[in-house]
Amino acid sequence: MTRTNDKALAAFMTRKAEIDTMLARLQSLSDEHFEASPDDIHWGHVGDLADISKNLREICDRAFQEGEYAE
């Protein structure tokens, strides 16, 4: 007997694997201080991190039903 959601489950697991890969890459980049040398940090780096932080906050709010996604 074939489950009716086999295709959806396979697609879900594919997306989950993609997210896991992205999270691992982000963690690695963060561990390396986003490849920025302390002596070379400038406001452009701060702006980049602010943008990344904003996007991650949006993702977390959606995933955890917080912020504008709170019920």
PDB file of N, CA and C in Angstrom:
ATOM      1  N   MET A   1       0.849  -1.182   0.000  1.00  0.00           N
ATOM      2  CA  MET A   1       0.000   0.000   0.000  1.00  0.00           C
ATOM      3  C   MET A   1       0.893   1.244   0.000  1.00  0.00           C
ATOM      4  N   THR A   2       0.597   2.173  -0.884  1.00  0.00           N
ATOM      5  CA  THR A   2       1.359   3.414  -0.984  1.00  0.00           C
ATOM      6  C   THR A   2       0.641   4.506  -0.205  1.00  0.00           C
ATOM      7  N   ARG A   3       1.398   5.195   0.599  1.00  0.00           N
ATOM      8  CA  ARG A   3       0.803   6.317   1.335  1.00  0.00           C
ATOM      9  C   ARG A   3       0.529   7.449   0.356  1.00  0.00           C
ATOM     10  N   THR A   4      -0.533   8.180   0.617  1.00  0.00           N
ATOM     11  CA  THR A   4      -0.919   9.254  -0.300  1.00  0.00           C
ATOM     12  C   THR A   4       0.007  10.457  -0.210  1.00  0.00           C
ATOM     13  N   ASN A   5       0.790  10.540   0.845  1.00  0.00           N
ATOM     14  CA  ASN A   5       1.659  11.712   1.004  1.00  0.00           C
ATOM     15  C   ASN A   5       3.131  11.406   0.741  1.00  0.00           C
ATOM     16  N   ASP A   6       3.427  10.314   0.071  1.00  0.00           N
ATOM     17  CA  ASP A   6       4.829   9.943  -0.178  1.00  0.00           C
ATOM     18  C   ASP A   6       5.598  11.042  -0.905  1.00  0.00           C
ATOM     19  N   LYS A   7       4.982  11.641  -1.922  1.00  0.00           N
ATOM     20  CA  LYS A   7       5.662  12.693  -2.676  1.00  0.00           C
ATOM     21  C   LYS A   7       5.869  13.933  -1.814  1.00  0.00           C
ATOM     22  N   ALA A   8       4.861  14.279  -1.036  1.00  0.00           N
ATOM     23  CA  ALA A   8       4.982  15.437  -0.144  1.00  0.00           C
ATOM     24  C   ALA A   8       6.059  15.185   0.907  1.00  0.00           C
ATOM     25  N   LEU A   9       6.090  13.982   1.454  1.00  0.00           N
ATOM     26  CA  LEU A   9       7.098  13.643   2.455  1.00  0.00           C
ATOM     27  C   LEU A   9       8.497  13.707   1.861  1.00  0.00           C
ATOM     28  N   ALA A  10       8.671  13.197   0.658  1.00  0.00           N
ATOM     29  CA  ALA A  10       9.981  13.245  -0.002  1.00  0.00           C
ATOM     30  C   ALA A  10      10.403  14.688  -0.253  1.00  0.00           C
ATOM     31  N   ALA A  11       9.473  15.523  -0.701  1.00  0.00           N
ATOM     32  CA  ALA A  11       9.782  16.938  -0.938  1.00  0.00           C
ATOM     33  C   ALA A  11      10.118  17.643   0.366  1.00  0.00           C
ATOM     34  N   PHE A  12       9.380  17.319   1.423  1.00  0.00           N
ATOM     35  CA  PHE A  12       9.640  17.893   2.744  1.00  0.00           C
ATOM     36  C   PHE A  12      11.049  17.544   3.211  1.00  0.00           C
ATOM     37  N   MET A  13      11.423  16.286   3.090  1.00  0.00           N
ATOM     38  CA  MET A  13      12.741  15.843   3.537  1.00  0.00           C
ATOM     39  C   MET A  13      13.850  16.480   2.702  1.00  0.00           C
ATOM     40  N   THR A  14      13.600  16.693   1.418  1.00  0.00           N
ATOM     41  CA  THR A  14      14.571  17.378   0.563  1.00  0.00           C
ATOM     42  C   THR A  14      14.770  18.806   1.043  1.00  0.00           C
ATOM     43  N   ARG A  15      13.676  19.514   1.317  1.00  0.00           N
ATOM     44  CA  ARG A  15      13.773  20.899   1.805  1.00  0.00           C
ATOM     45  C   ARG A  15      14.450  20.950   3.162  1.00  0.00           C
ATOM     46  N   LYS A  16      14.136  19.987   4.035  1.00  0.00           N
ATOM     47  CA  LYS A  16      14.763  19.948   5.357  1.00  0.00           C
ATOM     48  C   LYS A  16      16.265  19.776   5.220  1.00  0.00           C
ATOM     49  N   ALA A  17      16.690  18.899   4.331  1.00  0.00           N
ATOM     50  CA  ALA A  17      18.125  18.685   4.105  1.00  0.00           C
ATOM     51  C   ALA A  17      18.788  19.959   3.588  1.00  0.00           C
ATOM     52  N   GLU A  18      18.095  20.682   2.706  1.00  0.00           N
ATOM     53  CA  GLU A  18      18.629  21.954   2.209  1.00  0.00           C
ATOM     54  C   GLU A  18      18.812  22.948   3.352  1.00  0.00           C
ATOM     55  N   ILE A  19      17.811  23.033   4.218  1.00  0.00           N
ATOM     56  CA  ILE A  19      17.886  23.945   5.366  1.00  0.00           C
ATOM     57  C   ILE A  19      19.017  23.531   6.293  1.00  0.00           C
ATOM     58  N   ASP A  20      19.136  22.236   6.577  1.00  0.00           N
ATOM     59  CA  ASP A  20      20.215  21.752   7.445  1.00  0.00           C
ATOM     60  C   ASP A  20      21.583  22.131   6.884  1.00  0.00           C
ATOM     61  N   THR A  21      21.747  22.009   5.573  1.00  0.00           N
ATOM     62  CA  THR A  21      23.009  22.376   4.928  1.00  0.00           C
ATOM     63  C   THR A  21      23.275  23.868   5.065  1.00  0.00           C
ATOM     64  N   MET A  22      22.254  24.679   4.823  1.00  0.00           N
ATOM     65  CA  MET A  22      22.423  26.131   4.952  1.00  0.00           C
ATOM     66  C   MET A  22      22.757  26.528   6.382  1.00  0.00           C
ATOM     67  N   LEU A  23      22.084  25.911   7.353  1.00  0.00           N
ATOM     68  CA  LEU A  23      22.359  26.222   8.758  1.00  0.00           C
ATOM     69  C   LEU A  23      23.789  25.858   9.138  1.00  0.00           C
ATOM     70  N   ALA A  24      24.249  24.708   8.666  1.00  0.00           N
ATOM     71  CA  ALA A  24      25.625  24.288   8.959  1.00  0.00           C
ATOM     72  C   ALA A  24      26.628  25.263   8.344  1.00  0.00           C
ATOM     73  N   ARG A  25      26.365  25.706   7.117  1.00  0.00           N
ATOM     74  CA  ARG A  25      27.258  26.672   6.468  1.00  0.00           C
ATOM     75  C   ARG A  25      27.263  27.999   7.223  1.00  0.00           C
ATOM     76  N   LEU A  26      26.088  28.461   7.630  1.00  0.00           N
ATOM     77  CA  LEU A  26      26.018  29.713   8.391  1.00  0.00           C
ATOM     78  C   LEU A  26      26.754  29.598   9.721  1.00  0.00           C
ATOM     79  N   GLN A  27      26.585  28.460  10.404  1.00  0.00           N
ATOM     80  CA  GLN A  27      27.271  28.274  11.680  1.00  0.00           C
ATOM     81  C   GLN A  27      28.775  28.285  11.484  1.00  0.00           C
ATOM     82  N   SER A  28      29.240  27.619  10.450  1.00  0.00           N
ATOM     83  CA  SER A  28      30.673  27.598  10.158  1.00  0.00           C
ATOM     84  C   SER A  28      31.187  28.999   9.857  1.00  0.00           C
ATOM     85  N   LEU A  29      30.448  29.752   9.065  1.00  0.00           N
ATOM     86  CA  LEU A  29      30.849  31.119   8.744  1.00  0.00           C
ATOM     87  C   LEU A  29      30.854  31.997   9.988  1.00  0.00           C
ATOM     88  N   SER A  30      29.868  31.824  10.849  1.00  0.00           N
ATOM     89  CA  SER A  30      29.814  32.575  12.104  1.00  0.00           C
ATOM     90  C   SER A  30      30.991  32.215  13.005  1.00  0.00           C
ATOM     91  N   ASP A  31      31.313  30.921  13.064  1.00  0.00           N
ATOM     92  CA  ASP A  31      32.458  30.479  13.872  1.00  0.00           C
ATOM     93  C   ASP A  31      33.749  31.148  13.418  1.00  0.00           C
ATOM     94  N   GLU A  32      33.811  31.496  12.142  1.00  0.00           N
ATOM     95  CA  GLU A  32      34.990  32.167  11.577  1.00  0.00           C
ATOM     96  C   GLU A  32      34.786  33.683  11.502  1.00  0.00           C
ATOM     97  N   HIS A  33      33.845  34.192  12.311  1.00  0.00           N
ATOM     98  CA  HIS A  33      33.566  35.637  12.373  1.00  0.00           C
ATOM     99  C   HIS A  33      33.252  36.212  10.999  1.00  0.00           C
ATOM    100  N   PHE A  34      32.520  35.420  10.226  1.00  0.00           N
ATOM    101  CA  PHE A  34      32.108  35.828   8.881  1.00  0.00           C
ATOM    102  C   PHE A  34      33.301  36.243   8.028  1.00  0.00           C
ATOM    103  N   GLU A  35      34.418  35.572   8.283  1.00  0.00           N
ATOM    104  CA  GLU A  35      35.673  35.759   7.535  1.00  0.00           C
ATOM    105  C   GLU A  35      36.156  37.208   7.553  1.00  0.00           C
ATOM    106  N   ALA A  36      35.845  37.902   8.641  1.00  0.00           N
ATOM    107  CA  ALA A  36      36.275  39.297   8.778  1.00  0.00           C
ATOM    108  C   ALA A  36      37.362  39.389   9.843  1.00  0.00           C
ATOM    109  N   SER A  37      38.441  40.034   9.505  1.00  0.00           N
ATOM    110  CA  SER A  37      39.519  40.273  10.454  1.00  0.00           C
ATOM    111  C   SER A  37      39.130  41.445  11.349  1.00  0.00           C
ATOM    112  N   PRO A  38      39.345  41.338  12.659  1.00  0.00           N
ATOM    113  CA  PRO A  38      38.991  42.442  13.559  1.00  0.00           C
ATOM    114  C   PRO A  38      39.592  43.781  13.133  1.00  0.00           C
ATOM    115  N   ASP A  39      40.777  43.759  12.566  1.00  0.00           N
ATOM    116  CA  ASP A  39      41.421  45.003  12.141  1.00  0.00           C
ATOM    117  C   ASP A  39      40.787  45.598  10.889  1.00  0.00           C
ATOM    118  N   ASP A  40      40.024  44.797  10.162  1.00  0.00           N
ATOM    119  CA  ASP A  40      39.440  45.256   8.901  1.00  0.00           C
ATOM    120  C   ASP A  40      37.945  45.561   8.983  1.00  0.00           C
ATOM    121  N   ILE A  41      37.345  45.382  10.168  1.00  0.00           N
ATOM    122  CA  ILE A  41      35.902  45.597  10.318  1.00  0.00           C
ATOM    123  C   ILE A  41      35.554  47.055  10.033  1.00  0.00           C
ATOM    124  N   HIS A  42      34.502  47.246   9.222  1.00  0.00           N
ATOM    125  CA  HIS A  42      33.992  48.593   8.968  1.00  0.00           C
ATOM    126  C   HIS A  42      32.463  48.531   8.989  1.00  0.00           C
ATOM    127  N   TRP A  43      31.832  49.689   8.826  1.00  0.00           N
ATOM    128  CA  TRP A  43      30.380  49.762   8.942  1.00  0.00           C
ATOM    129  C   TRP A  43      29.665  48.947   7.868  1.00  0.00           C
ATOM    130  N   GLY A  44      30.302  48.686   6.769  1.00  0.00           N
ATOM    131  CA  GLY A  44      29.707  47.814   5.758  1.00  0.00           C
ATOM    132  C   GLY A  44      29.490  46.411   6.295  1.00  0.00           C
ATOM    133  N   HIS A  45      30.471  45.919   7.071  1.00  0.00           N
ATOM    134  CA  HIS A  45      30.325  44.601   7.698  1.00  0.00           C
ATOM    135  C   HIS A  45      29.143  44.608   8.667  1.00  0.00           C
ATOM    136  N   VAL A  46      29.039  45.683   9.440  1.00  0.00           N
ATOM    137  CA  VAL A  46      27.941  45.799  10.408  1.00  0.00           C
ATOM    138  C   VAL A  46      26.602  45.787   9.675  1.00  0.00           C
ATOM    139  N   GLY A  47      26.519  46.522   8.581  1.00  0.00           N
ATOM    140  CA  GLY A  47      25.287  46.547   7.793  1.00  0.00           C
ATOM    141  C   GLY A  47      24.943  45.189   7.221  1.00  0.00           C
ATOM    142  N   ASP A  48      25.949  44.484   6.739  1.00  0.00           N
ATOM    143  CA  ASP A  48      25.716  43.136   6.205  1.00  0.00           C
ATOM    144  C   ASP A  48      25.162  42.216   7.285  1.00  0.00           C
ATOM    145  N   LEU A  49      25.780  42.262   8.476  1.00  0.00           N
ATOM    146  CA  LEU A  49      25.305  41.409   9.570  1.00  0.00           C
ATOM    147  C   LEU A  49      23.916  41.822  10.034  1.00  0.00           C
ATOM    148  N   ALA A  50      23.634  43.121  10.021  1.00  0.00           N
ATOM    149  CA  ALA A  50      22.294  43.586  10.400  1.00  0.00           C
ATOM    150  C   ALA A  50      21.250  43.032   9.436  1.00  0.00           C
ATOM    151  N   ASP A  51      21.569  43.019   8.157  1.00  0.00           N
ATOM    152  CA  ASP A  51      20.648  42.491   7.153  1.00  0.00           C
ATOM    153  C   ASP A  51      20.449  40.990   7.334  1.00  0.00           C
ATOM    154  N   ILE A  52      21.537  40.277   7.552  1.00  0.00           N
ATOM    155  CA  ILE A  52      21.453  38.831   7.792  1.00  0.00           C
ATOM    156  C   ILE A  52      20.631  38.561   9.048  1.00  0.00           C
ATOM    157  N   SER A  53      20.892  39.327  10.109  1.00  0.00           N
ATOM    158  CA  SER A  53      20.158  39.169  11.362  1.00  0.00           C
ATOM    159  C   SER A  53      18.665  39.416  11.165  1.00  0.00           C
ATOM    160  N   LYS A  54      18.330  40.449  10.408  1.00  0.00           N
ATOM    161  CA  LYS A  54      16.922  40.758  10.129  1.00  0.00           C
ATOM    162  C   LYS A  54      16.255  39.597   9.400  1.00  0.00           C
ATOM    163  N   ASN A  55      16.933  39.057   8.402  1.00  0.00           N
ATOM    164  CA  ASN A  55      16.372  37.928   7.651  1.00  0.00           C
ATOM    165  C   ASN A  55      16.222  36.690   8.523  1.00  0.00           C
ATOM    166  N   LEU A  56      17.204  36.425   9.366  1.00  0.00           N
ATOM    167  CA  LEU A  56      17.116  35.269  10.265  1.00  0.00           C
ATOM    168  C   LEU A  56      16.012  35.460  11.296  1.00  0.00           C
ATOM    169  N   ARG A  57      15.826  36.696  11.777  1.00  0.00           N
ATOM    170  CA  ARG A  57      14.745  36.975  12.729  1.00  0.00           C
ATOM    171  C   ARG A  57      13.404  36.674  12.072  1.00  0.00           C
ATOM    172  N   GLU A  58      13.240  37.102  10.830  1.00  0.00           N
ATOM    173  CA  GLU A  58      11.999  36.835  10.090  1.00  0.00           C
ATOM    174  C   GLU A  58      11.765  35.322   9.979  1.00  0.00           C
ATOM    175  N   ILE A  59      12.812  34.590   9.661  1.00  0.00           N
ATOM    176  CA  ILE A  59      12.706  33.133   9.539  1.00  0.00           C
ATOM    177  C   ILE A  59      12.348  32.506  10.883  1.00  0.00           C
ATOM    178  N   CYS A  60      13.025  32.934  11.947  1.00  0.00           N
ATOM    179  CA  CYS A  60      12.740  32.384  13.280  1.00  0.00           C
ATOM    180  C   CYS A  60      11.328  32.736  13.736  1.00  0.00           C
ATOM    181  N   ASP A  61      10.914  33.978  13.496  1.00  0.00           N
ATOM    182  CA  ASP A  61       9.553  34.367  13.869  1.00  0.00           C
ATOM    183  C   ASP A  61       8.532  33.475  13.168  1.00  0.00           C
ATOM    184  N   ARG A  62       8.771  33.207  11.905  1.00  0.00           N
ATOM    185  CA  ARG A  62       7.847  32.351  11.153  1.00  0.00           C
ATOM    186  C   ARG A  62       7.883  30.918  11.670  1.00  0.00           C
ATOM    187  N   ALA A  63       9.080  30.392  11.886  1.00  0.00           N
ATOM    188  CA  ALA A  63       9.221  28.998  12.327  1.00  0.00           C
ATOM    189  C   ALA A  63       8.635  28.771  13.718  1.00  0.00           C
ATOM    190  N   PHE A  64       8.804  29.765  14.609  1.00  0.00           N
ATOM    191  CA  PHE A  64       8.359  29.613  15.993  1.00  0.00           C
ATOM    192  C   PHE A  64       7.060  30.352  16.281  1.00  0.00           C
ATOM    193  N   GLN A  65       6.427  30.872  15.237  1.00  0.00           N
ATOM    194  CA  GLN A  65       5.173  31.615  15.351  1.00  0.00           C
ATOM    195  C   GLN A  65       5.293  32.729  16.389  1.00  0.00           C
ATOM    196  N   GLU A  66       6.314  33.549  16.187  1.00  0.00           N
ATOM    197  CA  GLU A  66       6.556  34.694  17.060  1.00  0.00           C
ATOM    198  C   GLU A  66       6.445  35.967  16.227  1.00  0.00           C
ATOM    199  N   GLY A  67       6.574  37.122  16.895  1.00  0.00           N
ATOM    200  CA  GLY A  67       6.526  38.389  16.175  1.00  0.00           C
ATOM    201  C   GLY A  67       5.223  38.514  15.405  1.00  0.00           C
ATOM    202  N   GLU A  68       5.311  38.936  14.148  1.00  0.00           N
ATOM    203  CA  GLU A  68       4.097  39.133  13.351  1.00  0.00           C
ATOM    204  C   GLU A  68       3.379  37.824  13.035  1.00  0.00           C
ATOM    205  N   TYR A  69       4.048  36.703  13.270  1.00  0.00           N
ATOM    206  CA  TYR A  69       3.436  35.400  13.002  1.00  0.00           C
ATOM    207  C   TYR A  69       2.777  34.798  14.242  1.00  0.00           C
ATOM    208  N   ALA A  70       2.863  35.497  15.373  1.00  0.00           N
ATOM    209  CA  ALA A  70       2.263  34.989  16.611  1.00  0.00           C
ATOM    210  C   ALA A  70       0.748  34.906  16.442  1.00  0.00           C
ATOM    211  N   GLU A  71       0.210  33.871  16.999  1.00  0.00           N
ATOM    212  CA  GLU A  71      -1.251  33.697  16.892  1.00  0.00           C
ATOM    213  C   GLU A  71      -1.953  34.292  18.080  1.00  0.00           C
TER     214      GLU A  71
END
